[in-house]
Amino acid sequence: LYSVSPYFFAKILSELPFFFLLPLSGALLYYHGCGLNDDPDKFFIYLLTLILTYFAGSGYGIFLGSLISDRKVLVTLLPVQQFFKKQILNVPMMLLSGYFVKIENVVGLGYLSYISCLKWGLNAAAVNEFKDLGIEITTQVIGSNGQVIHLKEDIYEIVKEQFSLDYSITASLAVLGGLYLFF
């Protein structure tokens, strides 16, 4: 009756409003509720990050859906209709994002972090929020001679070290778009 191409493009076009409405509604609800930066430019970069992360995650789903024909296996791998149950692929993607565990501490699988859309979304969102924020954290350290030393460090440098933020916002957003196109 029809080939795969018309089905694929019809599916993408019919889901396109949700690709924008769901991240927009989420960002509007919790961006200011969490007390994130009030700069409108930062909000729109954050929104673009959410949209591209949503696109990349959808690309993973389409890719795996085209590879696996058994519905039971697919439901086990992907979060389809069973949120937080049997999400075999989501847990590694979350671990490889760098939020829960430093990527350097994941032995043998750290290279897989480069295909995790959550890593690139976290990188773009954290750089967007903390870079040029201008907040310094002062830490008091007692030296070997008993003298108190005050160390000042920018909060962005602390977050950068904690989450292994190695890439700019532009690079992270480009990789998210590339992941969607690739998958």
C-alpha atoms as a PDB file:
ATOM      1  CA  LEU A   1       0.000   0.000   0.000  1.00  0.00           C
ATOM      2  CA  TYR A   2       2.737   2.465   0.959  1.00  0.00           C
ATOM      3  CA  SER A   3       6.454   2.248   1.647  1.00  0.00           C
ATOM      4  CA  VAL A   4       8.421   3.005   4.791  1.00  0.00           C
ATOM      5  CA  SER A   5       9.396   6.563   3.807  1.00  0.00           C
ATOM      6  CA  PRO A   6       5.867   8.053   3.728  1.00  0.00           C
ATOM      7  CA  TYR A   7       5.048   6.341   7.035  1.00  0.00           C
ATOM      8  CA  PHE A   8       8.227   7.618   8.664  1.00  0.00           C
ATOM      9  CA  PHE A   9       7.756  11.228   7.536  1.00  0.00           C
ATOM     10  CA  ALA A  10       4.043  11.196   8.435  1.00  0.00           C
ATOM     11  CA  LYS A  11       4.916   9.876  11.895  1.00  0.00           C
ATOM     12  CA  ILE A  12       7.579  12.557  12.415  1.00  0.00           C
ATOM     13  CA  LEU A  13       5.308  15.352  11.197  1.00  0.00           C
ATOM     14  CA  SER A  14       2.403  14.209  13.361  1.00  0.00           C
ATOM     15  CA  GLU A  15       4.622  14.097  16.463  1.00  0.00           C
ATOM     16  CA  LEU A  16       6.363  17.405  15.747  1.00  0.00           C
ATOM     17  CA  PRO A  17       4.001  19.572  17.867  1.00  0.00           C
ATOM     18  CA  PHE A  18       4.682  17.337  20.880  1.00  0.00           C
ATOM     19  CA  PHE A  19       8.438  17.682  20.325  1.00  0.00           C
ATOM     20  CA  PHE A  20       8.041  21.371  21.077  1.00  0.00           C
ATOM     21  CA  LEU A  21       5.044  21.501  23.434  1.00  0.00           C
ATOM     22  CA  LEU A  22       6.225  18.951  26.003  1.00  0.00           C
ATOM     23  CA  PRO A  23       9.672  20.522  26.592  1.00  0.00           C
ATOM     24  CA  LEU A  24       8.127  24.007  26.525  1.00  0.00           C
ATOM     25  CA  SER A  25       5.489  23.150  29.118  1.00  0.00           C
ATOM     26  CA  GLY A  26       8.086  21.479  31.338  1.00  0.00           C
ATOM     27  CA  ALA A  27      10.514  24.373  31.050  1.00  0.00           C
ATOM     28  CA  LEU A  28       7.810  26.946  31.785  1.00  0.00           C
ATOM     29  CA  LEU A  29       6.738  25.039  34.892  1.00  0.00           C
ATOM     30  CA  TYR A  30      10.039  24.323  36.547  1.00  0.00           C
ATOM     31  CA  TYR A  31      12.680  26.706  35.136  1.00  0.00           C
ATOM     32  CA  HIS A  32      11.665  29.645  37.309  1.00  0.00           C
ATOM     33  CA  GLY A  33      10.235  27.392  40.019  1.00  0.00           C
ATOM     34  CA  CYS A  34      13.715  25.991  40.609  1.00  0.00           C
ATOM     35  CA  GLY A  35      15.185  29.468  40.727  1.00  0.00           C
ATOM     36  CA  LEU A  36      17.331  29.150  37.630  1.00  0.00           C
ATOM     37  CA  ASN A  37      18.876  32.167  35.923  1.00  0.00           C
ATOM     38  CA  ASP A  38      16.312  34.866  35.012  1.00  0.00           C
ATOM     39  CA  ASP A  39      18.133  35.947  31.842  1.00  0.00           C
ATOM     40  CA  PRO A  40      15.761  35.372  28.859  1.00  0.00           C
ATOM     41  CA  ASP A  41      18.657  34.271  26.632  1.00  0.00           C
ATOM     42  CA  LYS A  42      19.584  31.560  29.128  1.00  0.00           C
ATOM     43  CA  PHE A  43      15.966  30.396  29.279  1.00  0.00           C
ATOM     44  CA  PHE A  44      15.730  30.023  25.497  1.00  0.00           C
ATOM     45  CA  ILE A  45      19.063  28.176  25.332  1.00  0.00           C
ATOM     46  CA  TYR A  46      17.770  25.888  28.078  1.00  0.00           C
ATOM     47  CA  LEU A  47      14.543  25.351  26.129  1.00  0.00           C
ATOM     48  CA  LEU A  48      16.517  24.558  22.956  1.00  0.00           C
ATOM     49  CA  THR A  49      18.593  22.089  24.981  1.00  0.00           C
ATOM     50  CA  LEU A  50      15.427  20.342  26.201  1.00  0.00           C
ATOM     51  CA  ILE A  51      13.943  20.207  22.695  1.00  0.00           C
ATOM     52  CA  LEU A  52      17.118  18.782  21.173  1.00  0.00           C
ATOM     53  CA  THR A  53      17.464  16.239  23.993  1.00  0.00           C
ATOM     54  CA  TYR A  54      13.853  15.221  23.362  1.00  0.00           C
ATOM     55  CA  PHE A  55      14.595  14.891  19.629  1.00  0.00           C
ATOM     56  CA  ALA A  56      17.711  12.789  20.296  1.00  0.00           C
ATOM     57  CA  GLY A  57      15.830  10.499  22.707  1.00  0.00           C
ATOM     58  CA  SER A  58      13.108  10.073  20.117  1.00  0.00           C
ATOM     59  CA  GLY A  59      15.767   9.213  17.566  1.00  0.00           C
ATOM     60  CA  TYR A  60      17.040   6.432  19.838  1.00  0.00           C
ATOM     61  CA  GLY A  61      13.515   5.071  20.126  1.00  0.00           C
ATOM     62  CA  ILE A  62      12.931   5.104  16.374  1.00  0.00           C
ATOM     63  CA  PHE A  63      16.331   3.512  15.773  1.00  0.00           C
ATOM     64  CA  LEU A  64      15.761   0.670  18.245  1.00  0.00           C
ATOM     65  CA  GLY A  65      12.174   0.240  17.107  1.00  0.00           C
ATOM     66  CA  SER A  66      13.388  -0.333  13.567  1.00  0.00           C
ATOM     67  CA  LEU A  67      16.033  -2.848  14.712  1.00  0.00           C
ATOM     68  CA  ILE A  68      13.923  -4.964  17.055  1.00  0.00           C
ATOM     69  CA  SER A  69      10.741  -6.592  15.836  1.00  0.00           C
ATOM     70  CA  ASP A  70       9.755  -8.408  19.062  1.00  0.00           C
ATOM     71  CA  ARG A  71       7.447  -6.126  21.043  1.00  0.00           C
ATOM     72  CA  LYS A  72       8.267  -7.716  24.423  1.00  0.00           C
ATOM     73  CA  VAL A  73      11.986  -7.108  23.965  1.00  0.00           C
ATOM     74  CA  LEU A  74      11.349  -3.541  22.820  1.00  0.00           C
ATOM     75  CA  VAL A  75       9.125  -2.716  25.815  1.00  0.00           C
ATOM     76  CA  THR A  76      11.814  -4.133  28.115  1.00  0.00           C
ATOM     77  CA  LEU A  77      14.516  -1.964  26.539  1.00  0.00           C
ATOM     78  CA  LEU A  78      12.599   1.275  26.089  1.00  0.00           C
ATOM     79  CA  PRO A  79      10.392   3.228  28.508  1.00  0.00           C
ATOM     80  CA  VAL A  80       7.155   2.551  26.641  1.00  0.00           C
ATOM     81  CA  GLN A  81       4.024   2.809  28.823  1.00  0.00           C
ATOM     82  CA  GLN A  82       5.905   1.559  31.874  1.00  0.00           C
ATOM     83  CA  PHE A  83       7.654   4.536  33.368  1.00  0.00           C
ATOM     84  CA  PHE A  84      10.479   3.496  35.741  1.00  0.00           C
ATOM     85  CA  LYS A  85       9.872  -0.206  35.104  1.00  0.00           C
ATOM     86  CA  LYS A  86      12.211  -2.366  33.038  1.00  0.00           C
ATOM     87  CA  GLN A  87      14.140   0.503  31.504  1.00  0.00           C
ATOM     88  CA  ILE A  88      17.296  -1.383  30.660  1.00  0.00           C
ATOM     89  CA  LEU A  89      18.744   1.272  28.347  1.00  0.00           C
ATOM     90  CA  ASN A  90      17.805   4.366  30.346  1.00  0.00           C
ATOM     91  CA  VAL A  91      19.806   3.470  33.451  1.00  0.00           C
ATOM     92  CA  PRO A  92      23.146   3.180  31.586  1.00  0.00           C
ATOM     93  CA  MET A  93      22.378   6.395  29.701  1.00  0.00           C
ATOM     94  CA  MET A  94      21.734   8.172  33.019  1.00  0.00           C
ATOM     95  CA  LEU A  95      24.901   6.745  34.551  1.00  0.00           C
ATOM     96  CA  LEU A  96      26.939   7.742  31.512  1.00  0.00           C
ATOM     97  CA  SER A  97      25.593  11.306  31.568  1.00  0.00           C
ATOM     98  CA  GLY A  98      28.060  12.269  34.296  1.00  0.00           C
ATOM     99  CA  TYR A  99      25.399  13.397  36.765  1.00  0.00           C
ATOM    100  CA  PHE A 100      25.391  10.446  39.152  1.00  0.00           C
ATOM    101  CA  VAL A 101      28.931   9.166  38.629  1.00  0.00           C
ATOM    102  CA  LYS A 102      31.940  10.877  37.076  1.00  0.00           C
ATOM    103  CA  ILE A 103      32.447   9.435  33.616  1.00  0.00           C
ATOM    104  CA  GLU A 104      36.129   8.815  34.402  1.00  0.00           C
ATOM    105  CA  ASN A 105      35.012   6.437  37.189  1.00  0.00           C
ATOM    106  CA  VAL A 106      32.971   4.218  34.853  1.00  0.00           C
ATOM    107  CA  VAL A 107      35.482   1.508  34.039  1.00  0.00           C
ATOM    108  CA  GLY A 108      35.408   0.159  30.511  1.00  0.00           C
ATOM    109  CA  LEU A 109      32.222   1.906  29.380  1.00  0.00           C
ATOM    110  CA  GLY A 110      33.169   5.587  29.526  1.00  0.00           C
ATOM    111  CA  TYR A 111      33.423   5.783  25.742  1.00  0.00           C
ATOM    112  CA  LEU A 112      29.681   5.043  25.508  1.00  0.00           C
ATOM    113  CA  SER A 113      28.984   8.391  27.166  1.00  0.00           C
ATOM    114  CA  TYR A 114      29.571  10.065  23.803  1.00  0.00           C
ATOM    115  CA  ILE A 115      26.308   8.600  22.457  1.00  0.00           C
ATOM    116  CA  SER A 116      24.298   9.476  25.570  1.00  0.00           C
ATOM    117  CA  CYS A 117      21.930  12.333  24.770  1.00  0.00           C
ATOM    118  CA  LEU A 118      21.605  12.930  28.517  1.00  0.00           C
ATOM    119  CA  LYS A 119      25.348  13.682  28.772  1.00  0.00           C
ATOM    120  CA  TRP A 120      25.132  16.334  26.076  1.00  0.00           C
ATOM    121  CA  GLY A 121      21.889  17.777  27.452  1.00  0.00           C
ATOM    122  CA  LEU A 122      23.376  17.996  30.956  1.00  0.00           C
ATOM    123  CA  ASN A 123      26.545  19.571  29.582  1.00  0.00           C
ATOM    124  CA  ALA A 124      24.657  22.271  27.661  1.00  0.00           C
ATOM    125  CA  ALA A 125      22.218  22.995  30.513  1.00  0.00           C
ATOM    126  CA  ALA A 126      24.939  23.186  33.191  1.00  0.00           C
ATOM    127  CA  VAL A 127      27.254  25.390  31.120  1.00  0.00           C
ATOM    128  CA  ASN A 128      24.282  27.600  30.242  1.00  0.00           C
ATOM    129  CA  GLU A 129      23.286  27.978  33.889  1.00  0.00           C
ATOM    130  CA  PHE A 130      26.630  28.282  35.681  1.00  0.00           C
ATOM    131  CA  LYS A 131      29.043  29.908  33.238  1.00  0.00           C
ATOM    132  CA  ASP A 132      29.474  33.641  33.835  1.00  0.00           C
ATOM    133  CA  LEU A 133      27.209  33.460  36.891  1.00  0.00           C
ATOM    134  CA  GLY A 134      29.831  35.213  39.013  1.00  0.00           C
ATOM    135  CA  ILE A 135      29.252  33.341  42.266  1.00  0.00           C
ATOM    136  CA  GLU A 136      32.362  32.518  44.267  1.00  0.00           C
ATOM    137  CA  ILE A 137      32.523  29.815  46.900  1.00  0.00           C
ATOM    138  CA  THR A 138      34.915  30.435  49.787  1.00  0.00           C
ATOM    139  CA  THR A 139      36.410  27.421  51.525  1.00  0.00           C
ATOM    140  CA  GLN A 140      38.419  27.595  54.710  1.00  0.00           C
ATOM    141  CA  VAL A 141      41.360  25.213  54.935  1.00  0.00           C
ATOM    142  CA  ILE A 142      43.669  24.871  57.902  1.00  0.00           C
ATOM    143  CA  GLY A 143      47.282  24.814  56.768  1.00  0.00           C
ATOM    144  CA  SER A 144      50.043  22.657  58.202  1.00  0.00           C
ATOM    145  CA  ASN A 145      51.156  25.495  60.488  1.00  0.00           C
ATOM    146  CA  GLY A 146      47.621  25.944  61.894  1.00  0.00           C
ATOM    147  CA  GLN A 147      46.912  29.062  59.866  1.00  0.00           C
ATOM    148  CA  VAL A 148      43.439  29.379  58.265  1.00  0.00           C
ATOM    149  CA  ILE A 149      43.622  29.734  54.490  1.00  0.00           C
ATOM    150  CA  HIS A 150      40.634  31.072  52.540  1.00  0.00           C
ATOM    151  CA  LEU A 151      40.269  29.572  49.061  1.00  0.00           C
ATOM    152  CA  LYS A 152      37.951  31.253  46.577  1.00  0.00           C
ATOM    153  CA  GLU A 153      36.705  29.388  43.544  1.00  0.00           C
ATOM    154  CA  ASP A 154      34.096  30.256  40.932  1.00  0.00           C
ATOM    155  CA  ILE A 155      31.008  28.018  41.117  1.00  0.00           C
ATOM    156  CA  TYR A 156      31.293  27.238  37.394  1.00  0.00           C
ATOM    157  CA  GLU A 157      34.743  25.724  37.952  1.00  0.00           C
ATOM    158  CA  ILE A 158      33.374  23.544  40.748  1.00  0.00           C
ATOM    159  CA  VAL A 159      30.426  22.352  38.621  1.00  0.00           C
ATOM    160  CA  LYS A 160      32.728  21.869  35.626  1.00  0.00           C
ATOM    161  CA  GLU A 161      34.993  19.608  37.667  1.00  0.00           C
ATOM    162  CA  GLN A 162      32.136  17.685  39.326  1.00  0.00           C
ATOM    163  CA  PHE A 163      30.230  16.894  36.117  1.00  0.00           C
ATOM    164  CA  SER A 164      33.206  16.714  33.710  1.00  0.00           C
ATOM    165  CA  LEU A 165      31.900  19.567  31.559  1.00  0.00           C
ATOM    166  CA  ASP A 166      34.369  19.648  28.708  1.00  0.00           C
ATOM    167  CA  TYR A 167      32.322  21.140  25.888  1.00  0.00           C
ATOM    168  CA  SER A 168      30.670  24.442  25.040  1.00  0.00           C
ATOM    169  CA  ILE A 169      26.932  24.961  24.696  1.00  0.00           C
ATOM    170  CA  THR A 170      27.253  25.152  20.911  1.00  0.00           C
ATOM    171  CA  ALA A 171      29.200  21.892  20.695  1.00  0.00           C
ATOM    172  CA  SER A 172      26.742  20.101  22.984  1.00  0.00           C
ATOM    173  CA  LEU A 173      23.702  21.304  21.025  1.00  0.00           C
ATOM    174  CA  ALA A 174      25.380  20.338  17.734  1.00  0.00           C
ATOM    175  CA  VAL A 175      26.035  16.823  19.056  1.00  0.00           C
ATOM    176  CA  LEU A 176      22.403  16.512  20.239  1.00  0.00           C
ATOM    177  CA  GLY A 177      21.191  17.487  16.759  1.00  0.00           C
ATOM    178  CA  GLY A 178      23.688  15.070  15.221  1.00  0.00           C
ATOM    179  CA  LEU A 179      22.510  12.224  17.468  1.00  0.00           C
ATOM    180  CA  TYR A 180      18.942  12.801  16.305  1.00  0.00           C
ATOM    181  CA  LEU A 181      19.974  12.843  12.661  1.00  0.00           C
ATOM    182  CA  PHE A 182      22.210   9.796  13.071  1.00  0.00           C
ATOM    183  CA  PHE A 183      19.691   7.701  14.961  1.00  0.00           C
END
